[in-house]
């Protein structure tokens, strides 16, 4: 394994007993550490590989990328040696878009498909991220938007020196999301599961259900207690839902149907 490969995919090929790889794509401003606890939860046959984008944590000296196309093109090249093992993609918010577009490009370039795609905290790709260009806002307004989203601790927002370090990465990530333009293509062959917080008022149930359009296979929508960053306070429930969704792996694509069960909408 090259050091470049390991810079993109943490833990890759660490577990020799793994028969499934779970690639985890972080939200805007986040790094691979978002998923640092996941390896402890999954069984030994699942290798959790958090994706580390340029400009954060172990890659903090690199310039962040500002285009989703640029990010996906780089990932598709670097991930190829790891695709000989069955794989699953999980992405939250910006990471959901990256995971989806990476799955599309891998299908085209290598003819390989994820066992399952999990998209969390993000509307279907044909829905714009926001009507405003947040990445172009003055610093004070930009910080207010971060505060509203409730993903950045107030102590961090009040730390001017730290925010000067974080601001370029955050602006770059918001630019990635806000300049993304969906191009219609064939639906994916793998099942898709969409996750959301029931108090995430920026992502409607209807826009989440639109992910149904992007798979030829089964689609499920799961709601969790929490806001846009439910991923943290519902971490164990999220991970258990992932496990339940991939074990056992269905051999034949299921026919789509609509069933309502508690706070989970099955599609």
Protein backbone atom coordinates (compact mmCIF):
# COMPACT_ATOMS: atom_id res chain seq x y z
CA UNK A 1 0.00 0.00 0.00
CA UNK A 2 1.30 3.43 -0.92
CA UNK A 3 1.43 6.25 1.60
CA UNK A 4 -0.77 8.25 -0.78
CA UNK A 5 -3.45 5.58 -0.62
CA UNK A 6 -3.31 5.53 3.16
CA UNK A 7 -3.59 9.32 3.25
CA UNK A 8 -7.02 9.04 1.57
CA UNK A 9 -8.32 5.90 3.30
CA UNK A 10 -7.49 5.37 6.96
CA UNK A 11 -7.18 1.77 8.17
CA UNK A 12 -7.23 0.34 4.63
CA UNK A 13 -5.90 -3.25 4.58
CA UNK A 14 -5.23 -3.19 8.34
CA UNK A 15 -7.68 -6.04 8.96
CA UNK A 16 -6.56 -9.14 7.08
CA UNK A 17 -9.75 -10.98 8.10
CA UNK A 18 -12.11 -8.44 6.58
CA UNK A 19 -14.50 -9.61 3.89
CA UNK A 20 -16.29 -6.26 3.61
CA UNK A 21 -15.01 -2.66 3.54
CA UNK A 22 -17.08 0.22 4.84
CA UNK A 23 -15.88 3.54 3.38
CA UNK A 24 -17.11 6.51 5.45
CA UNK A 25 -17.29 10.01 3.94
CA UNK A 26 -17.45 12.95 6.42
CA UNK A 27 -19.64 16.05 6.38
CA UNK A 28 -18.47 19.57 5.47
CA UNK A 29 -15.66 20.66 7.75
CA UNK A 30 -15.27 17.17 9.18
CA UNK A 31 -12.40 14.72 8.93
CA UNK A 32 -11.90 11.00 9.25
CA UNK A 33 -12.06 11.31 13.05
CA UNK A 34 -15.85 11.70 12.76
CA UNK A 35 -15.86 7.91 12.39
CA UNK A 36 -13.11 7.09 14.90
CA UNK A 37 -15.43 4.97 17.10
CA UNK A 38 -16.95 2.94 14.29
CA UNK A 39 -14.26 0.26 14.07
CA UNK A 40 -14.95 -0.75 17.68
CA UNK A 41 -18.61 -1.36 16.97
CA UNK A 42 -18.44 -3.44 13.79
CA UNK A 43 -17.43 -7.09 13.72
CA UNK A 44 -13.89 -8.08 12.74
CA UNK A 45 -14.96 -9.08 9.24
CA UNK A 46 -15.87 -5.45 8.43
CA UNK A 47 -13.00 -3.05 7.83
CA UNK A 48 -14.04 0.56 8.49
CA UNK A 49 -12.12 2.94 6.20
CA UNK A 50 -12.81 6.63 6.96
CA UNK A 51 -12.05 8.89 4.01
CA UNK A 52 -9.63 11.74 4.76
CA UNK A 53 -10.04 14.69 2.40
CA UNK A 54 -7.22 17.20 1.79
CA UNK A 55 -7.03 20.14 4.18
CA UNK A 56 -7.98 18.45 7.46
CA UNK A 57 -6.41 16.53 10.33
CA UNK A 58 -3.56 14.33 9.00
CA UNK A 59 -3.75 16.22 5.68
CA UNK A 60 -4.01 19.66 7.24
CA UNK A 61 -1.09 21.10 5.27
CA UNK A 62 -2.76 20.33 1.94
CA UNK A 63 -5.10 22.78 0.24
CA UNK A 64 -8.78 21.80 0.45
CA UNK A 65 -10.55 21.01 -2.81
CA UNK A 66 -13.43 23.25 -3.87
CA UNK A 67 -15.12 21.07 -6.49
CA UNK A 68 -17.02 17.84 -5.94
CA UNK A 69 -15.89 16.65 -9.37
CA UNK A 70 -12.26 17.20 -8.36
CA UNK A 71 -12.73 15.26 -5.12
CA UNK A 72 -14.51 12.34 -6.77
CA UNK A 73 -12.00 12.06 -9.60
CA UNK A 74 -9.15 11.79 -7.09
CA UNK A 75 -10.98 9.23 -4.94
CA UNK A 76 -11.91 7.06 -7.92
CA UNK A 77 -8.25 6.79 -8.92
CA UNK A 78 -6.96 6.08 -5.40
CA UNK A 79 -9.68 3.64 -4.34
CA UNK A 80 -9.23 1.15 -7.18
CA UNK A 81 -6.74 -1.17 -5.36
CA UNK A 82 -9.26 -1.56 -2.52
CA UNK A 83 -12.21 -2.65 -4.63
CA UNK A 84 -11.29 -6.35 -4.80
CA UNK A 85 -13.15 -6.78 -1.49
CA UNK A 86 -16.94 -6.15 -1.39
CA UNK A 87 -17.54 -2.60 -0.19
CA UNK A 88 -20.18 -0.32 1.30
CA UNK A 89 -20.34 3.50 1.18
CA UNK A 90 -21.65 5.68 4.01
CA UNK A 91 -21.68 9.47 3.71
CA UNK A 92 -23.16 12.23 5.85
CA UNK A 93 -24.31 15.55 4.33
CA UNK A 94 -21.52 16.59 1.92
CA UNK A 95 -20.15 13.08 2.36
CA UNK A 96 -23.42 11.63 1.06
CA UNK A 97 -22.97 13.47 -2.23
CA UNK A 98 -19.33 12.41 -2.49
CA UNK A 99 -20.26 8.79 -1.76
CA UNK A 100 -23.05 8.82 -4.34
CA UNK A 101 -20.97 10.38 -7.12
CA UNK A 102 -18.04 8.09 -6.31
CA UNK A 103 -20.36 5.08 -6.62
CA UNK A 104 -21.55 6.34 -10.02
CA UNK A 105 -18.04 6.87 -11.34
CA UNK A 106 -16.73 3.54 -10.01
CA UNK A 107 -19.59 1.81 -11.80
CA UNK A 108 -18.65 3.51 -15.07
CA UNK A 109 -14.88 3.20 -14.78
CA UNK A 110 -14.47 -0.23 -13.17
CA UNK A 111 -17.87 -1.89 -13.54
CA UNK A 112 -18.03 -2.39 -9.76
CA UNK A 113 -20.86 -1.50 -7.41
CA UNK A 114 -21.20 -1.00 -3.65
CA UNK A 115 -23.03 -3.68 -1.72
CA UNK A 116 -25.05 -0.81 -0.22
CA UNK A 117 -25.04 3.00 -0.31
CA UNK A 118 -25.99 4.89 2.87
CA UNK A 119 -26.75 8.60 2.39
CA UNK A 120 -27.26 10.56 5.59
CA UNK A 121 -28.42 14.12 6.25
CA UNK A 122 -28.69 15.07 2.58
CA UNK A 123 -31.58 15.57 0.18
CA UNK A 124 -31.61 13.67 -3.09
CA UNK A 125 -28.94 14.95 -5.52
CA UNK A 126 -31.36 16.83 -7.76
CA UNK A 127 -32.25 19.10 -4.82
CA UNK A 128 -29.92 22.11 -4.42
CA UNK A 129 -27.92 22.25 -1.19
CA UNK A 130 -29.13 25.74 -0.33
CA UNK A 131 -30.60 28.73 -2.10
CA UNK A 132 -27.87 30.96 -0.65
CA UNK A 133 -24.16 30.90 -1.44
CA UNK A 134 -23.00 30.55 2.13
CA UNK A 135 -19.35 30.14 1.18
CA UNK A 136 -19.36 33.73 -0.14
CA UNK A 137 -20.75 35.31 3.03
CA UNK A 138 -18.66 37.67 5.18
CA UNK A 139 -17.04 35.96 8.16
CA UNK A 140 -19.60 37.08 10.75
CA UNK A 141 -22.57 35.94 8.66
CA UNK A 142 -20.83 32.70 7.77
CA UNK A 143 -20.23 31.96 11.45
CA UNK A 144 -23.89 32.69 12.21
CA UNK A 145 -24.89 30.09 9.62
CA UNK A 146 -22.54 27.58 11.23
CA UNK A 147 -24.10 28.40 14.59
CA UNK A 148 -27.60 27.85 13.21
CA UNK A 149 -26.62 24.43 11.86
CA UNK A 150 -25.43 23.41 15.33
CA UNK A 151 -22.42 21.47 14.09
CA UNK A 152 -19.63 23.69 15.42
CA UNK A 153 -19.18 24.16 19.19
CA UNK A 154 -19.74 27.72 20.39
CA UNK A 155 -16.29 27.72 22.00
CA UNK A 156 -14.78 27.09 18.57
CA UNK A 157 -16.89 29.80 16.91
CA UNK A 158 -15.73 32.28 19.59
CA UNK A 159 -12.05 31.38 19.14
CA UNK A 160 -10.88 33.84 16.49
CA UNK A 161 -7.46 32.26 16.04
CA UNK A 162 -8.90 28.78 15.58
CA UNK A 163 -11.61 30.01 13.24
CA UNK A 164 -8.99 31.65 11.04
CA UNK A 165 -7.46 28.21 10.60
CA UNK A 166 -10.78 26.45 10.03
CA UNK A 167 -12.50 29.02 7.83
CA UNK A 168 -10.74 28.17 4.52
CA UNK A 169 -11.62 24.48 4.89
CA UNK A 170 -15.21 25.23 5.84
CA UNK A 171 -15.69 27.69 2.99
CA UNK A 172 -14.15 25.21 0.54
CA UNK A 173 -16.51 22.46 1.67
CA UNK A 174 -19.56 24.69 1.41
CA UNK A 175 -18.41 25.68 -2.07
CA UNK A 176 -18.24 21.98 -2.96
CA UNK A 177 -21.86 21.54 -1.89
CA UNK A 178 -23.21 24.80 -3.30
CA UNK A 179 -21.64 24.47 -6.76
CA UNK A 180 -22.58 20.82 -7.25
CA UNK A 181 -24.84 20.32 -10.27
CA UNK A 182 -26.61 16.99 -10.65
CA UNK A 183 -26.37 15.42 -14.11
CA UNK A 184 -29.03 12.82 -14.79
CA UNK A 185 -27.70 9.32 -15.31
CA UNK A 186 -28.64 5.67 -14.90
CA UNK A 187 -29.74 4.68 -11.37
CA UNK A 188 -27.33 2.65 -9.26
CA UNK A 189 -27.65 -1.11 -9.01
CA UNK A 190 -27.09 -1.23 -5.24
CA UNK A 191 -29.69 -0.65 -2.51
CA UNK A 192 -29.81 2.86 -1.04
CA UNK A 193 -30.72 3.75 2.54
CA UNK A 194 -31.29 7.40 3.47
CA UNK A 195 -30.91 8.60 7.08
CA UNK A 196 -32.09 11.87 8.62
CA UNK A 197 -32.73 13.58 11.93
CA UNK A 198 -36.40 14.30 12.64
CA UNK A 199 -35.46 17.85 13.70
CA UNK A 200 -33.30 18.61 10.65
CA UNK A 201 -35.45 21.35 9.17
CA UNK A 202 -33.15 21.92 6.20
CA UNK A 203 -33.81 18.42 4.83
CA UNK A 204 -37.43 17.46 4.22
CA UNK A 205 -38.74 13.91 4.19
CA UNK A 206 -39.86 14.42 0.58
CA UNK A 207 -36.38 15.47 -0.52
CA UNK A 208 -34.86 12.48 1.30
CA UNK A 209 -37.36 10.13 -0.33
CA UNK A 210 -36.13 11.42 -3.70
CA UNK A 211 -33.07 9.16 -3.28
CA UNK A 212 -35.49 6.43 -4.34
CA UNK A 213 -35.04 7.66 -7.93
CA UNK A 214 -31.37 6.76 -7.91
CA UNK A 215 -31.46 3.02 -7.40
CA UNK A 216 -32.81 0.07 -9.36
CA UNK A 217 -32.73 -1.87 -6.12
CA UNK A 218 -34.39 -1.50 -2.72
CA UNK A 219 -34.66 1.88 -1.00
CA UNK A 220 -35.30 2.57 2.70
CA UNK A 221 -35.61 5.82 4.62
CA UNK A 222 -34.75 5.87 8.34
CA UNK A 223 -35.54 8.74 10.72
CA UNK A 224 -33.58 9.29 13.94
CA UNK A 225 -34.10 11.66 16.87
CA UNK A 226 -31.98 14.78 16.43
CA UNK A 227 -31.04 17.66 14.16
CA UNK A 228 -28.69 17.69 11.18
CA UNK A 229 -25.90 16.24 13.32
CA UNK A 230 -27.94 13.36 14.78
CA UNK A 231 -25.03 11.22 13.59
CA UNK A 232 -23.24 11.99 16.87
CA UNK A 233 -25.92 11.54 19.53
CA UNK A 234 -27.49 8.61 17.65
CA UNK A 235 -24.18 7.03 16.67
CA UNK A 236 -24.88 3.56 18.07
CA UNK A 237 -28.37 3.44 16.53
CA UNK A 238 -26.98 4.57 13.19
CA UNK A 239 -24.26 1.91 13.23
CA UNK A 240 -26.73 -0.80 14.23
CA UNK A 241 -29.01 0.20 11.35
CA UNK A 242 -26.08 -0.08 8.96
CA UNK A 243 -25.29 -3.56 10.28
CA UNK A 244 -28.91 -4.66 10.04
CA UNK A 245 -29.07 -3.39 6.45
CA UNK A 246 -26.03 -5.30 5.18
CA UNK A 247 -26.49 -8.57 7.08
CA UNK A 248 -27.59 -10.69 5.44
CA UNK A 249 -26.76 -9.21 2.04
CA UNK A 250 -29.73 -9.89 -0.28
CA UNK A 251 -28.81 -12.03 -3.29
CA UNK A 252 -31.75 -10.78 -5.38
CA UNK A 253 -32.83 -7.11 -5.57
CA UNK A 254 -36.04 -6.62 -3.64
CA UNK A 255 -39.09 -5.10 -5.28
CA UNK A 256 -39.75 -1.55 -4.14
CA UNK A 257 -42.68 -1.02 -1.82
CA UNK A 258 -43.89 1.52 0.72
CA UNK A 259 -44.40 0.42 4.33
CA UNK A 260 -44.59 2.62 7.45
CA UNK A 261 -43.16 1.12 10.66
CA UNK A 262 -42.85 3.39 13.71
CA UNK A 263 -40.44 6.23 13.02
CA UNK A 264 -38.95 4.45 10.03
CA UNK A 265 -40.33 4.87 6.54
CA UNK A 266 -39.54 1.90 4.31
CA UNK A 267 -39.61 2.52 0.58
